[in-house]
Amino acid sequence: MNFFAENLKVFKKAALPLFALVVVSNNIDQYLNMQVETALQNPMGANGQVYFFGFLSIVSSVIFPVLLATTALYAMVNTKPWESLMAFFGKFLNQVFIESLRAWGKTLLWSLLFIIPGIWKYLELSLVPFVVTSSESYEAGKIDALQASSYVFRKHWFKILGILFCFHLFLPLILTSFFDSYRLLWKTPLASLFLSLLDTYLILISTQLLFNVFQSEVSKHDSHV
């Protein structure tokens, strides 16, 4: 099956729930950022609202990336035809959260030493959700998700780095620079929904490209795909 035919199949399966998550995520992030900026501009000085909304922003930045990645992977992992998204979440979401927190903790430790090693460690651990949802060896407790992610990244670092740069840095930076003011659903609903739909498609494409790289490395007997 060629890439675009496969992408259409993936889009049909996960677009709606992923789109809903993107809409909620984008607007919550925008709202929290606005609240933090307003609190910082308070002539009386920063107050407790900065810490409150800052904390909520951190929580949002932890929860939504995991939800988005797991939802996108639901369309790519060869689950049983009758398995719903909620069943997939019930099977994998908790473990994806746990391993993602481990990955972020290790990245933070490396970042305390030097910025560049921290960024590199973040890239190495970017495939953790793929390991959790697609590796039978991980499910059997034979491999560590962080080590497996690092192994695949080192084998295909050029491809993975290119995908992450294009879809997680370059394109989002362009969209943010030109269209960030149009993302608020309650101010520009049509533009906000269109940008969220574009974000949804970019997430699915980038996840599928990364999944194909991961799948090419993981042997058939060690995957659910």
N, C-alpha and C. Protein backbone atom coordinates (compact mmCIF):
# COMPACT_ATOMS: atom_id res chain seq x y z
N MET A 1 0.85 -1.19 0.00
CA MET A 1 0.00 0.00 0.00
C MET A 1 0.89 1.24 0.00
N ASN A 2 0.64 2.19 -0.94
CA ASN A 2 1.48 3.36 -0.98
C ASN A 2 1.16 4.29 0.18
N PHE A 3 2.03 5.28 0.37
CA PHE A 3 1.94 6.13 1.55
C PHE A 3 0.62 6.88 1.62
N PHE A 4 0.17 7.45 0.50
CA PHE A 4 -1.02 8.28 0.52
C PHE A 4 -2.29 7.45 0.73
N ALA A 5 -2.34 6.24 0.18
CA ALA A 5 -3.48 5.38 0.43
C ALA A 5 -3.52 4.97 1.90
N GLU A 6 -2.36 4.68 2.45
CA GLU A 6 -2.27 4.33 3.86
C GLU A 6 -2.64 5.53 4.72
N ASN A 7 -2.19 6.72 4.30
CA ASN A 7 -2.49 7.93 5.05
C ASN A 7 -3.99 8.22 5.07
N LEU A 8 -4.67 7.97 3.95
CA LEU A 8 -6.11 8.16 3.90
C LEU A 8 -6.83 7.22 4.86
N LYS A 9 -6.36 5.98 4.92
CA LYS A 9 -6.94 5.00 5.84
C LYS A 9 -6.74 5.44 7.29
N VAL A 10 -5.54 5.94 7.59
CA VAL A 10 -5.22 6.43 8.94
C VAL A 10 -6.09 7.64 9.27
N PHE A 11 -6.23 8.55 8.30
CA PHE A 11 -7.01 9.77 8.52
C PHE A 11 -8.47 9.44 8.84
N LYS A 12 -9.05 8.48 8.11
CA LYS A 12 -10.43 8.11 8.34
C LYS A 12 -10.63 7.52 9.73
N LYS A 13 -9.64 6.80 10.21
CA LYS A 13 -9.79 6.10 11.48
C LYS A 13 -9.62 7.02 12.69
N ALA A 14 -8.70 7.98 12.60
CA ALA A 14 -8.36 8.76 13.80
C ALA A 14 -8.62 10.24 13.69
N ALA A 15 -9.03 10.73 12.52
CA ALA A 15 -9.13 12.18 12.32
C ALA A 15 -10.10 12.85 13.28
N LEU A 16 -11.28 12.28 13.47
CA LEU A 16 -12.30 12.92 14.29
C LEU A 16 -11.88 13.06 15.76
N PRO A 17 -11.49 11.98 16.45
CA PRO A 17 -11.07 12.15 17.84
C PRO A 17 -9.81 12.98 17.97
N LEU A 18 -8.89 12.84 17.01
CA LEU A 18 -7.66 13.62 17.06
C LEU A 18 -7.96 15.10 16.84
N PHE A 19 -8.85 15.40 15.91
CA PHE A 19 -9.24 16.79 15.65
C PHE A 19 -9.86 17.42 16.90
N ALA A 20 -10.73 16.67 17.58
CA ALA A 20 -11.35 17.18 18.81
C ALA A 20 -10.29 17.48 19.86
N LEU A 21 -9.33 16.59 20.01
CA LEU A 21 -8.25 16.82 20.97
C LEU A 21 -7.41 18.03 20.59
N VAL A 22 -7.13 18.19 19.30
CA VAL A 22 -6.34 19.33 18.85
C VAL A 22 -7.06 20.65 19.13
N VAL A 23 -8.37 20.69 18.86
CA VAL A 23 -9.15 21.89 19.13
C VAL A 23 -9.09 22.25 20.61
N VAL A 24 -9.33 21.26 21.47
CA VAL A 24 -9.30 21.50 22.91
C VAL A 24 -7.90 21.91 23.36
N SER A 25 -6.88 21.21 22.89
CA SER A 25 -5.50 21.49 23.28
C SER A 25 -5.08 22.89 22.86
N ASN A 26 -5.33 23.25 21.61
CA ASN A 26 -4.93 24.57 21.10
C ASN A 26 -5.58 25.70 21.90
N ASN A 27 -6.86 25.57 22.16
CA ASN A 27 -7.58 26.64 22.84
C ASN A 27 -7.23 26.73 24.32
N ILE A 28 -7.00 25.59 24.95
CA ILE A 28 -6.55 25.63 26.35
C ILE A 28 -5.18 26.28 26.45
N ASP A 29 -4.27 25.90 25.55
CA ASP A 29 -2.93 26.50 25.55
C ASP A 29 -3.00 28.01 25.33
N GLN A 30 -3.82 28.43 24.35
CA GLN A 30 -3.96 29.85 24.08
C GLN A 30 -4.54 30.59 25.27
N TYR A 31 -5.54 30.02 25.88
CA TYR A 31 -6.18 30.66 27.03
C TYR A 31 -5.21 30.79 28.20
N LEU A 32 -4.48 29.71 28.49
CA LEU A 32 -3.54 29.75 29.62
C LEU A 32 -2.41 30.73 29.35
N ASN A 33 -1.91 30.78 28.13
CA ASN A 33 -0.85 31.74 27.79
C ASN A 33 -1.34 33.18 27.95
N MET A 34 -2.58 33.43 27.53
CA MET A 34 -3.15 34.77 27.68
C MET A 34 -3.27 35.15 29.15
N GLN A 35 -3.68 34.20 29.98
CA GLN A 35 -3.83 34.48 31.40
C GLN A 35 -2.48 34.77 32.07
N VAL A 36 -1.46 34.02 31.67
CA VAL A 36 -0.12 34.25 32.22
C VAL A 36 0.39 35.62 31.79
N GLU A 37 0.22 35.97 30.51
CA GLU A 37 0.67 37.27 30.01
C GLU A 37 -0.06 38.41 30.71
N THR A 38 -1.37 38.25 30.93
CA THR A 38 -2.15 39.27 31.62
C THR A 38 -1.66 39.47 33.05
N ALA A 39 -1.39 38.36 33.72
CA ALA A 39 -0.90 38.44 35.11
C ALA A 39 0.47 39.09 35.18
N LEU A 40 1.34 38.79 34.20
CA LEU A 40 2.68 39.38 34.18
C LEU A 40 2.64 40.87 33.90
N GLN A 41 1.63 41.31 33.16
CA GLN A 41 1.51 42.73 32.83
C GLN A 41 0.77 43.53 33.90
N ASN A 42 0.36 42.87 34.95
CA ASN A 42 -0.34 43.53 36.05
C ASN A 42 0.57 44.60 36.67
N PRO A 43 0.13 45.87 36.70
CA PRO A 43 0.99 46.94 37.25
C PRO A 43 1.32 46.75 38.73
N MET A 44 0.54 45.93 39.41
CA MET A 44 0.81 45.66 40.82
C MET A 44 1.88 44.58 40.99
N GLY A 45 2.36 44.06 39.87
CA GLY A 45 3.37 43.02 39.94
C GLY A 45 2.77 41.64 39.78
N ALA A 46 3.63 40.66 39.52
CA ALA A 46 3.17 39.29 39.34
C ALA A 46 2.55 38.79 40.64
N ASN A 47 1.48 38.05 40.51
CA ASN A 47 0.80 37.52 41.69
C ASN A 47 0.64 36.01 41.58
N GLY A 48 -0.16 35.46 42.47
CA GLY A 48 -0.33 34.02 42.50
C GLY A 48 -0.92 33.45 41.24
N GLN A 49 -1.62 34.28 40.44
CA GLN A 49 -2.20 33.79 39.21
C GLN A 49 -1.14 33.30 38.23
N VAL A 50 0.03 33.95 38.24
CA VAL A 50 1.11 33.53 37.35
C VAL A 50 1.50 32.09 37.64
N TYR A 51 1.65 31.75 38.91
CA TYR A 51 2.04 30.39 39.29
C TYR A 51 0.90 29.40 39.02
N PHE A 52 -0.34 29.85 39.27
CA PHE A 52 -1.48 28.97 39.06
C PHE A 52 -1.64 28.60 37.60
N PHE A 53 -1.69 29.63 36.74
CA PHE A 53 -1.87 29.36 35.32
C PHE A 53 -0.61 28.75 34.69
N GLY A 54 0.56 29.11 35.24
CA GLY A 54 1.79 28.48 34.77
C GLY A 54 1.81 26.99 35.07
N PHE A 55 1.32 26.63 36.26
CA PHE A 55 1.24 25.22 36.62
C PHE A 55 0.26 24.48 35.71
N LEU A 56 -0.90 25.10 35.44
CA LEU A 56 -1.87 24.48 34.55
C LEU A 56 -1.30 24.32 33.15
N SER A 57 -0.49 25.27 32.72
CA SER A 57 0.14 25.19 31.40
C SER A 57 1.10 24.01 31.32
N ILE A 58 1.85 23.78 32.41
CA ILE A 58 2.76 22.64 32.45
C ILE A 58 1.99 21.33 32.41
N VAL A 59 0.91 21.26 33.18
CA VAL A 59 0.07 20.05 33.19
C VAL A 59 -0.48 19.79 31.79
N SER A 60 -0.94 20.85 31.13
CA SER A 60 -1.48 20.72 29.77
C SER A 60 -0.42 20.22 28.81
N SER A 61 0.81 20.73 28.96
CA SER A 61 1.89 20.33 28.06
C SER A 61 2.35 18.90 28.30
N VAL A 62 1.96 18.32 29.43
CA VAL A 62 2.27 16.91 29.72
C VAL A 62 1.16 16.00 29.20
N ILE A 63 -0.08 16.39 29.46
CA ILE A 63 -1.22 15.52 29.16
C ILE A 63 -1.51 15.43 27.66
N PHE A 64 -1.62 16.58 27.00
CA PHE A 64 -2.09 16.56 25.62
C PHE A 64 -1.13 15.91 24.62
N PRO A 65 0.19 16.13 24.72
CA PRO A 65 1.07 15.42 23.78
C PRO A 65 0.92 13.90 23.84
N VAL A 66 0.74 13.37 25.05
CA VAL A 66 0.56 11.92 25.20
C VAL A 66 -0.77 11.49 24.59
N LEU A 67 -1.82 12.24 24.85
CA LEU A 67 -3.13 11.91 24.28
C LEU A 67 -3.11 11.98 22.76
N LEU A 68 -2.46 13.00 22.22
CA LEU A 68 -2.40 13.17 20.77
C LEU A 68 -1.61 12.05 20.12
N ALA A 69 -0.45 11.72 20.70
CA ALA A 69 0.39 10.67 20.14
C ALA A 69 -0.30 9.31 20.20
N THR A 70 -0.95 9.02 21.32
CA THR A 70 -1.62 7.72 21.48
C THR A 70 -2.81 7.61 20.54
N THR A 71 -3.54 8.70 20.35
CA THR A 71 -4.68 8.69 19.43
C THR A 71 -4.22 8.47 18.00
N ALA A 72 -3.14 9.14 17.60
CA ALA A 72 -2.61 8.96 16.25
C ALA A 72 -2.12 7.53 16.05
N LEU A 73 -1.47 6.96 17.05
CA LEU A 73 -0.95 5.60 16.93
C LEU A 73 -2.08 4.57 16.89
N TYR A 74 -3.22 4.90 17.47
CA TYR A 74 -4.38 4.01 17.42
C TYR A 74 -4.73 3.66 15.97
N ALA A 75 -4.55 4.61 15.07
CA ALA A 75 -4.90 4.38 13.66
C ALA A 75 -3.84 3.60 12.91
N MET A 76 -2.65 3.45 13.51
CA MET A 76 -1.55 2.82 12.79
C MET A 76 -1.21 1.43 13.31
N VAL A 77 -1.36 1.23 14.60
CA VAL A 77 -1.13 -0.09 15.16
C VAL A 77 -2.26 -1.01 14.69
N ASN A 78 -1.91 -2.19 14.28
CA ASN A 78 -2.90 -3.12 13.69
C ASN A 78 -3.74 -3.76 14.79
N THR A 79 -4.66 -2.95 15.33
CA THR A 79 -5.54 -3.46 16.37
C THR A 79 -6.67 -4.27 15.75
N LYS A 80 -7.37 -5.00 16.59
CA LYS A 80 -8.52 -5.77 16.11
C LYS A 80 -9.57 -4.80 15.56
N PRO A 81 -10.29 -5.18 14.50
CA PRO A 81 -11.24 -4.27 13.86
C PRO A 81 -12.28 -3.72 14.83
N TRP A 82 -12.64 -4.51 15.84
CA TRP A 82 -13.69 -4.07 16.74
C TRP A 82 -13.14 -3.29 17.94
N GLU A 83 -11.83 -3.15 18.04
CA GLU A 83 -11.27 -2.45 19.19
C GLU A 83 -11.46 -0.94 19.03
N SER A 84 -12.12 -0.34 19.99
CA SER A 84 -12.40 1.08 19.93
C SER A 84 -11.22 1.88 20.46
N LEU A 85 -11.29 3.19 20.26
CA LEU A 85 -10.24 4.07 20.77
C LEU A 85 -10.17 3.98 22.29
N MET A 86 -11.33 3.90 22.96
CA MET A 86 -11.33 3.81 24.41
C MET A 86 -10.68 2.51 24.88
N ALA A 87 -10.91 1.43 24.15
CA ALA A 87 -10.28 0.16 24.50
C ALA A 87 -8.77 0.25 24.31
N PHE A 88 -8.35 0.93 23.25
CA PHE A 88 -6.93 1.14 22.99
C PHE A 88 -6.31 1.98 24.09
N PHE A 89 -7.01 3.05 24.49
CA PHE A 89 -6.56 3.87 25.61
C PHE A 89 -6.43 3.03 26.88
N GLY A 90 -7.45 2.21 27.13
CA GLY A 90 -7.43 1.39 28.33
C GLY A 90 -6.25 0.43 28.36
N LYS A 91 -5.81 0.01 27.19
CA LYS A 91 -4.72 -0.94 27.10
C LYS A 91 -3.34 -0.27 27.20
N PHE A 92 -3.21 0.92 26.61
CA PHE A 92 -1.87 1.50 26.46
C PHE A 92 -1.67 2.87 27.11
N LEU A 93 -2.73 3.65 27.31
CA LEU A 93 -2.55 5.06 27.68
C LEU A 93 -1.79 5.24 28.98
N ASN A 94 -2.15 4.47 30.00
CA ASN A 94 -1.49 4.61 31.29
C ASN A 94 0.01 4.35 31.18
N GLN A 95 0.38 3.31 30.43
CA GLN A 95 1.79 2.98 30.29
C GLN A 95 2.52 4.01 29.44
N VAL A 96 1.84 4.58 28.43
CA VAL A 96 2.46 5.64 27.64
C VAL A 96 2.76 6.84 28.53
N PHE A 97 1.83 7.18 29.42
CA PHE A 97 2.06 8.28 30.36
C PHE A 97 3.26 7.99 31.25
N ILE A 98 3.32 6.79 31.80
CA ILE A 98 4.42 6.43 32.70
C ILE A 98 5.76 6.53 31.99
N GLU A 99 5.87 5.93 30.82
CA GLU A 99 7.14 5.93 30.10
C GLU A 99 7.48 7.33 29.58
N SER A 100 6.46 8.11 29.22
CA SER A 100 6.72 9.48 28.77
C SER A 100 7.25 10.33 29.92
N LEU A 101 6.72 10.14 31.12
CA LEU A 101 7.22 10.86 32.28
C LEU A 101 8.66 10.46 32.59
N ARG A 102 8.97 9.18 32.44
CA ARG A 102 10.35 8.73 32.60
C ARG A 102 11.27 9.40 31.58
N ALA A 103 10.78 9.48 30.34
CA ALA A 103 11.58 10.08 29.28
C ALA A 103 11.81 11.57 29.55
N TRP A 104 10.77 12.28 29.96
CA TRP A 104 10.91 13.71 30.25
C TRP A 104 11.82 13.94 31.46
N GLY A 105 11.73 13.04 32.46
CA GLY A 105 12.61 13.17 33.61
C GLY A 105 14.07 12.99 33.23
N LYS A 106 14.36 12.01 32.40
CA LYS A 106 15.74 11.79 31.95
C LYS A 106 16.21 12.95 31.09
N THR A 107 15.33 13.47 30.25
CA THR A 107 15.69 14.63 29.42
C THR A 107 16.02 15.83 30.30
N LEU A 108 15.23 16.04 31.34
CA LEU A 108 15.48 17.15 32.26
C LEU A 108 16.82 17.01 32.95
N LEU A 109 17.16 15.79 33.38
CA LEU A 109 18.45 15.57 34.03
C LEU A 109 19.61 15.90 33.10
N TRP A 110 19.50 15.49 31.85
CA TRP A 110 20.54 15.80 30.87
C TRP A 110 20.60 17.30 30.60
N SER A 111 19.43 17.96 30.61
CA SER A 111 19.38 19.40 30.34
C SER A 111 20.02 20.21 31.45
N LEU A 112 20.03 19.66 32.68
CA LEU A 112 20.66 20.36 33.79
C LEU A 112 22.17 20.46 33.60
N LEU A 113 22.73 19.52 32.83
CA LEU A 113 24.16 19.55 32.56
C LEU A 113 24.46 20.53 31.43
N PHE A 114 23.93 20.24 30.24
CA PHE A 114 24.11 21.09 29.08
C PHE A 114 22.83 21.05 28.24
N ILE A 115 22.56 22.15 27.53
CA ILE A 115 21.33 22.24 26.74
C ILE A 115 21.35 21.25 25.58
N ILE A 116 22.46 21.20 24.83
CA ILE A 116 22.53 20.36 23.64
C ILE A 116 22.34 18.88 23.98
N PRO A 117 23.03 18.34 24.99
CA PRO A 117 22.78 16.93 25.35
C PRO A 117 21.33 16.68 25.75
N GLY A 118 20.70 17.67 26.39
CA GLY A 118 19.30 17.53 26.77
C GLY A 118 18.40 17.43 25.55
N ILE A 119 18.67 18.27 24.54
CA ILE A 119 17.89 18.22 23.30
C ILE A 119 18.10 16.88 22.60
N TRP A 120 19.35 16.42 22.58
CA TRP A 120 19.65 15.15 21.92
C TRP A 120 18.95 13.99 22.63
N LYS A 121 18.94 14.04 23.95
CA LYS A 121 18.25 12.99 24.72
C LYS A 121 16.75 13.03 24.45
N TYR A 122 16.20 14.21 24.33
CA TYR A 122 14.77 14.35 23.99
C TYR A 122 14.48 13.69 22.64
N LEU A 123 15.35 13.91 21.68
CA LEU A 123 15.17 13.31 20.36
C LEU A 123 15.29 11.79 20.43
N GLU A 124 16.25 11.31 21.19
CA GLU A 124 16.43 9.86 21.33
C GLU A 124 15.19 9.18 21.90
N LEU A 125 14.51 9.88 22.80
CA LEU A 125 13.37 9.27 23.50
C LEU A 125 12.03 9.62 22.85
N SER A 126 12.07 10.20 21.67
CA SER A 126 10.83 10.62 21.00
C SER A 126 9.98 9.45 20.51
N LEU A 127 10.56 8.25 20.45
CA LEU A 127 9.82 7.09 19.95
C LEU A 127 9.25 6.22 21.06
N VAL A 128 9.31 6.69 22.29
CA VAL A 128 8.81 5.90 23.43
C VAL A 128 7.36 5.45 23.23
N PRO A 129 6.41 6.33 22.81
CA PRO A 129 5.03 5.85 22.61
C PRO A 129 4.92 4.74 21.57
N PHE A 130 5.81 4.75 20.56
CA PHE A 130 5.80 3.71 19.54
C PHE A 130 6.21 2.36 20.15
N VAL A 131 7.19 2.40 21.03
CA VAL A 131 7.65 1.17 21.67
C VAL A 131 6.54 0.59 22.54
N VAL A 132 5.89 1.46 23.32
CA VAL A 132 4.86 1.00 24.26
C VAL A 132 3.69 0.35 23.51
N THR A 133 3.27 0.95 22.41
CA THR A 133 2.08 0.47 21.72
C THR A 133 2.36 -0.58 20.64
N SER A 134 3.64 -0.75 20.26
CA SER A 134 3.91 -1.59 19.09
C SER A 134 4.90 -2.71 19.31
N SER A 135 5.45 -2.84 20.50
CA SER A 135 6.47 -3.85 20.71
C SER A 135 5.98 -4.96 21.65
N GLU A 136 5.99 -6.16 21.15
CA GLU A 136 5.62 -7.31 21.99
C GLU A 136 6.70 -7.59 23.03
N SER A 137 7.96 -7.32 22.68
CA SER A 137 9.04 -7.52 23.66
C SER A 137 8.87 -6.59 24.85
N TYR A 138 8.45 -5.34 24.59
CA TYR A 138 8.19 -4.42 25.69
C TYR A 138 7.02 -4.91 26.53
N GLU A 139 5.97 -5.36 25.86
CA GLU A 139 4.78 -5.84 26.58
C GLU A 139 5.13 -7.05 27.45
N ALA A 140 6.08 -7.85 26.99
CA ALA A 140 6.50 -9.03 27.75
C ALA A 140 7.54 -8.68 28.82
N GLY A 141 7.94 -7.41 28.89
CA GLY A 141 8.91 -6.98 29.89
C GLY A 141 10.34 -7.32 29.56
N LYS A 142 10.65 -7.59 28.28
CA LYS A 142 11.99 -7.99 27.88
C LYS A 142 12.89 -6.81 27.53
N ILE A 143 12.31 -5.67 27.22
CA ILE A 143 13.11 -4.50 26.85
C ILE A 143 12.60 -3.28 27.60
N ASP A 144 13.46 -2.28 27.70
CA ASP A 144 13.11 -1.01 28.31
C ASP A 144 12.71 -0.03 27.21
N ALA A 145 11.60 0.67 27.40
CA ALA A 145 11.08 1.56 26.36
C ALA A 145 12.06 2.66 26.01
N LEU A 146 12.75 3.22 27.01
CA LEU A 146 13.68 4.31 26.76
C LEU A 146 14.90 3.82 25.97
N GLN A 147 15.40 2.65 26.35
CA GLN A 147 16.55 2.09 25.64
C GLN A 147 16.18 1.70 24.21
N ALA A 148 14.99 1.15 24.03
CA ALA A 148 14.55 0.75 22.69
C ALA A 148 14.38 1.97 21.79
N SER A 149 13.81 3.03 22.33
CA SER A 149 13.64 4.26 21.56
C SER A 149 15.00 4.83 21.16
N SER A 150 15.93 4.86 22.08
CA SER A 150 17.27 5.36 21.78
C SER A 150 17.95 4.53 20.71
N TYR A 151 17.76 3.22 20.77
CA TYR A 151 18.38 2.33 19.79
C TYR A 151 17.87 2.60 18.38
N VAL A 152 16.54 2.71 18.24
CA VAL A 152 15.97 2.96 16.92
C VAL A 152 16.38 4.34 16.41
N PHE A 153 16.40 5.33 17.30
CA PHE A 153 16.79 6.68 16.88
C PHE A 153 18.24 6.70 16.38
N ARG A 154 19.12 6.03 17.08
CA ARG A 154 20.53 6.05 16.66
C ARG A 154 20.73 5.34 15.33
N LYS A 155 19.88 4.36 15.04
CA LYS A 155 19.99 3.64 13.76
C LYS A 155 19.46 4.49 12.61
N HIS A 156 18.49 5.37 12.90
CA HIS A 156 17.84 6.14 11.83
C HIS A 156 17.76 7.62 12.21
N TRP A 157 18.81 8.14 12.84
CA TRP A 157 18.75 9.48 13.39
C TRP A 157 18.53 10.56 12.33
N PHE A 158 19.10 10.35 11.14
CA PHE A 158 18.98 11.38 10.10
C PHE A 158 17.53 11.52 9.64
N LYS A 159 16.85 10.39 9.38
CA LYS A 159 15.45 10.42 8.95
C LYS A 159 14.56 10.99 10.05
N ILE A 160 14.74 10.51 11.27
CA ILE A 160 13.89 10.94 12.38
C ILE A 160 14.11 12.41 12.68
N LEU A 161 15.36 12.85 12.65
CA LEU A 161 15.65 14.25 12.90
C LEU A 161 15.00 15.14 11.84
N GLY A 162 15.04 14.70 10.58
CA GLY A 162 14.42 15.46 9.51
C GLY A 162 12.91 15.58 9.69
N ILE A 163 12.25 14.47 10.07
CA ILE A 163 10.81 14.48 10.28
C ILE A 163 10.44 15.39 11.45
N LEU A 164 11.16 15.25 12.56
CA LEU A 164 10.87 16.07 13.73
C LEU A 164 11.12 17.55 13.46
N PHE A 165 12.21 17.86 12.73
CA PHE A 165 12.51 19.26 12.43
C PHE A 165 11.40 19.86 11.56
N CYS A 166 10.98 19.13 10.55
CA CYS A 166 9.99 19.65 9.61
C CYS A 166 8.62 19.81 10.26
N PHE A 167 8.14 18.77 10.96
CA PHE A 167 6.77 18.75 11.44
C PHE A 167 6.59 19.22 12.88
N HIS A 168 7.67 19.27 13.66
CA HIS A 168 7.55 19.67 15.06
C HIS A 168 8.24 21.00 15.36
N LEU A 169 8.96 21.53 14.38
CA LEU A 169 9.64 22.81 14.60
C LEU A 169 9.37 23.80 13.47
N PHE A 170 9.75 23.45 12.25
CA PHE A 170 9.69 24.39 11.14
C PHE A 170 8.25 24.79 10.80
N LEU A 171 7.40 23.81 10.47
CA LEU A 171 6.01 24.12 10.10
C LEU A 171 5.22 24.74 11.25
N PRO A 172 5.31 24.20 12.50
CA PRO A 172 4.60 24.86 13.60
C PRO A 172 5.07 26.29 13.84
N LEU A 173 6.38 26.54 13.65
CA LEU A 173 6.90 27.89 13.84
C LEU A 173 6.31 28.85 12.81
N ILE A 174 6.20 28.40 11.57
CA ILE A 174 5.61 29.23 10.52
C ILE A 174 4.13 29.50 10.83
N LEU A 175 3.39 28.45 11.18
CA LEU A 175 1.97 28.61 11.48
C LEU A 175 1.76 29.53 12.68
N THR A 176 2.61 29.39 13.69
CA THR A 176 2.49 30.25 14.87
C THR A 176 2.79 31.70 14.54
N SER A 177 3.81 31.91 13.72
CA SER A 177 4.23 33.27 13.37
C SER A 177 3.14 34.03 12.62
N PHE A 178 2.42 33.35 11.74
CA PHE A 178 1.46 34.02 10.88
C PHE A 178 0.01 33.92 11.36
N PHE A 179 -0.32 32.83 12.08
CA PHE A 179 -1.73 32.57 12.34
C PHE A 179 -2.07 32.38 13.82
N ASP A 180 -1.15 32.68 14.72
CA ASP A 180 -1.39 32.42 16.13
C ASP A 180 -2.59 33.20 16.66
N SER A 181 -2.80 34.39 16.14
CA SER A 181 -3.90 35.24 16.63
C SER A 181 -5.26 34.74 16.15
N TYR A 182 -5.28 33.76 15.24
CA TYR A 182 -6.54 33.24 14.71
C TYR A 182 -6.93 31.90 15.33
N ARG A 183 -6.22 31.47 16.34
CA ARG A 183 -6.46 30.14 16.89
C ARG A 183 -7.54 30.12 17.97
N LEU A 184 -7.97 31.27 18.46
CA LEU A 184 -8.96 31.29 19.52
C LEU A 184 -10.35 30.99 18.96
N LEU A 185 -10.93 29.90 19.42
CA LEU A 185 -12.21 29.43 18.88
C LEU A 185 -13.32 30.44 19.12
N TRP A 186 -13.28 31.15 20.26
CA TRP A 186 -14.36 32.07 20.59
C TRP A 186 -14.20 33.44 19.92
N LYS A 187 -13.07 33.65 19.22
CA LYS A 187 -12.87 34.92 18.51
C LYS A 187 -12.96 34.73 17.00
N THR A 188 -12.28 33.74 16.49
CA THR A 188 -12.29 33.46 15.04
C THR A 188 -12.57 31.97 14.85
N PRO A 189 -13.83 31.56 15.01
CA PRO A 189 -14.16 30.12 15.03
C PRO A 189 -13.79 29.38 13.75
N LEU A 190 -14.09 29.95 12.58
CA LEU A 190 -13.81 29.24 11.33
C LEU A 190 -12.31 29.09 11.12
N ALA A 191 -11.57 30.16 11.33
CA ALA A 191 -10.11 30.11 11.16
C ALA A 191 -9.49 29.16 12.17
N SER A 192 -10.01 29.19 13.41
CA SER A 192 -9.48 28.31 14.45
C SER A 192 -9.69 26.85 14.10
N LEU A 193 -10.89 26.51 13.62
CA LEU A 193 -11.18 25.13 13.27
C LEU A 193 -10.35 24.68 12.06
N PHE A 194 -10.17 25.57 11.10
CA PHE A 194 -9.35 25.22 9.93
C PHE A 194 -7.90 24.96 10.34
N LEU A 195 -7.35 25.82 11.20
CA LEU A 195 -5.97 25.63 11.65
C LEU A 195 -5.84 24.36 12.48
N SER A 196 -6.85 24.05 13.26
CA SER A 196 -6.83 22.81 14.04
C SER A 196 -6.88 21.59 13.12
N LEU A 197 -7.67 21.69 12.04
CA LEU A 197 -7.72 20.60 11.07
C LEU A 197 -6.37 20.42 10.39
N LEU A 198 -5.71 21.52 10.07
CA LEU A 198 -4.36 21.45 9.49
C LEU A 198 -3.38 20.83 10.47
N ASP A 199 -3.46 21.24 11.73
CA ASP A 199 -2.60 20.64 12.77
C ASP A 199 -2.84 19.14 12.87
N THR A 200 -4.10 18.74 12.80
CA THR A 200 -4.46 17.32 12.88
C THR A 200 -3.80 16.53 11.76
N TYR A 201 -3.87 17.06 10.55
CA TYR A 201 -3.28 16.36 9.41
C TYR A 201 -1.77 16.29 9.53
N LEU A 202 -1.14 17.36 9.99
CA LEU A 202 0.32 17.36 10.16
C LEU A 202 0.75 16.35 11.23
N ILE A 203 -0.04 16.24 12.30
CA ILE A 203 0.27 15.26 13.35
C ILE A 203 0.18 13.84 12.78
N LEU A 204 -0.86 13.57 12.01
CA LEU A 204 -1.03 12.24 11.44
C LEU A 204 0.09 11.90 10.46
N ILE A 205 0.47 12.85 9.62
CA ILE A 205 1.55 12.61 8.66
C ILE A 205 2.86 12.36 9.38
N SER A 206 3.21 13.23 10.33
CA SER A 206 4.48 13.08 11.03
C SER A 206 4.53 11.79 11.82
N THR A 207 3.41 11.44 12.48
CA THR A 207 3.37 10.19 13.25
C THR A 207 3.48 8.98 12.33
N GLN A 208 2.83 9.06 11.18
CA GLN A 208 2.91 7.94 10.23
C GLN A 208 4.32 7.78 9.68
N LEU A 209 4.98 8.88 9.38
CA LEU A 209 6.37 8.81 8.88
C LEU A 209 7.29 8.21 9.94
N LEU A 210 7.14 8.66 11.18
CA LEU A 210 7.95 8.10 12.27
C LEU A 210 7.62 6.64 12.50
N PHE A 211 6.34 6.31 12.41
CA PHE A 211 5.90 4.92 12.60
C PHE A 211 6.50 4.01 11.53
N ASN A 212 6.57 4.49 10.30
CA ASN A 212 7.15 3.69 9.22
C ASN A 212 8.63 3.45 9.46
N VAL A 213 9.33 4.46 9.97
CA VAL A 213 10.75 4.29 10.30
C VAL A 213 10.89 3.27 11.42
N PHE A 214 10.06 3.43 12.46
CA PHE A 214 10.10 2.50 13.58
C PHE A 214 9.78 1.08 13.13
N GLN A 215 8.75 0.94 12.30
CA GLN A 215 8.32 -0.37 11.84
C GLN A 215 9.40 -1.04 10.99
N SER A 216 10.14 -0.24 10.22
CA SER A 216 11.19 -0.82 9.38
C SER A 216 12.33 -1.40 10.20
N GLU A 217 12.49 -0.91 11.42
CA GLU A 217 13.58 -1.39 12.27
C GLU A 217 13.16 -2.55 13.15
N VAL A 218 11.91 -2.51 13.62
CA VAL A 218 11.43 -3.54 14.55
C VAL A 218 11.03 -4.76 13.73
N SER A 219 11.52 -5.89 14.10
CA SER A 219 11.20 -7.11 13.35
C SER A 219 9.72 -7.45 13.48
N LYS A 220 9.17 -8.13 12.50
CA LYS A 220 7.74 -8.42 12.45
C LYS A 220 7.25 -9.21 13.66
N HIS A 221 8.07 -10.14 14.16
CA HIS A 221 7.62 -10.95 15.27
C HIS A 221 7.61 -10.17 16.57
N ASP A 222 8.19 -8.95 16.57
CA ASP A 222 8.27 -8.17 17.80
C ASP A 222 7.35 -6.97 17.75
N SER A 223 6.32 -6.99 16.94
CA SER A 223 5.45 -5.83 16.85
C SER A 223 4.00 -6.26 16.71
N HIS A 224 3.13 -5.29 17.03
CA HIS A 224 1.70 -5.48 16.85
C HIS A 224 1.26 -5.03 15.47
N VAL A 225 2.19 -4.57 14.65
CA VAL A 225 1.81 -3.95 13.38
C VAL A 225 1.87 -4.95 12.24
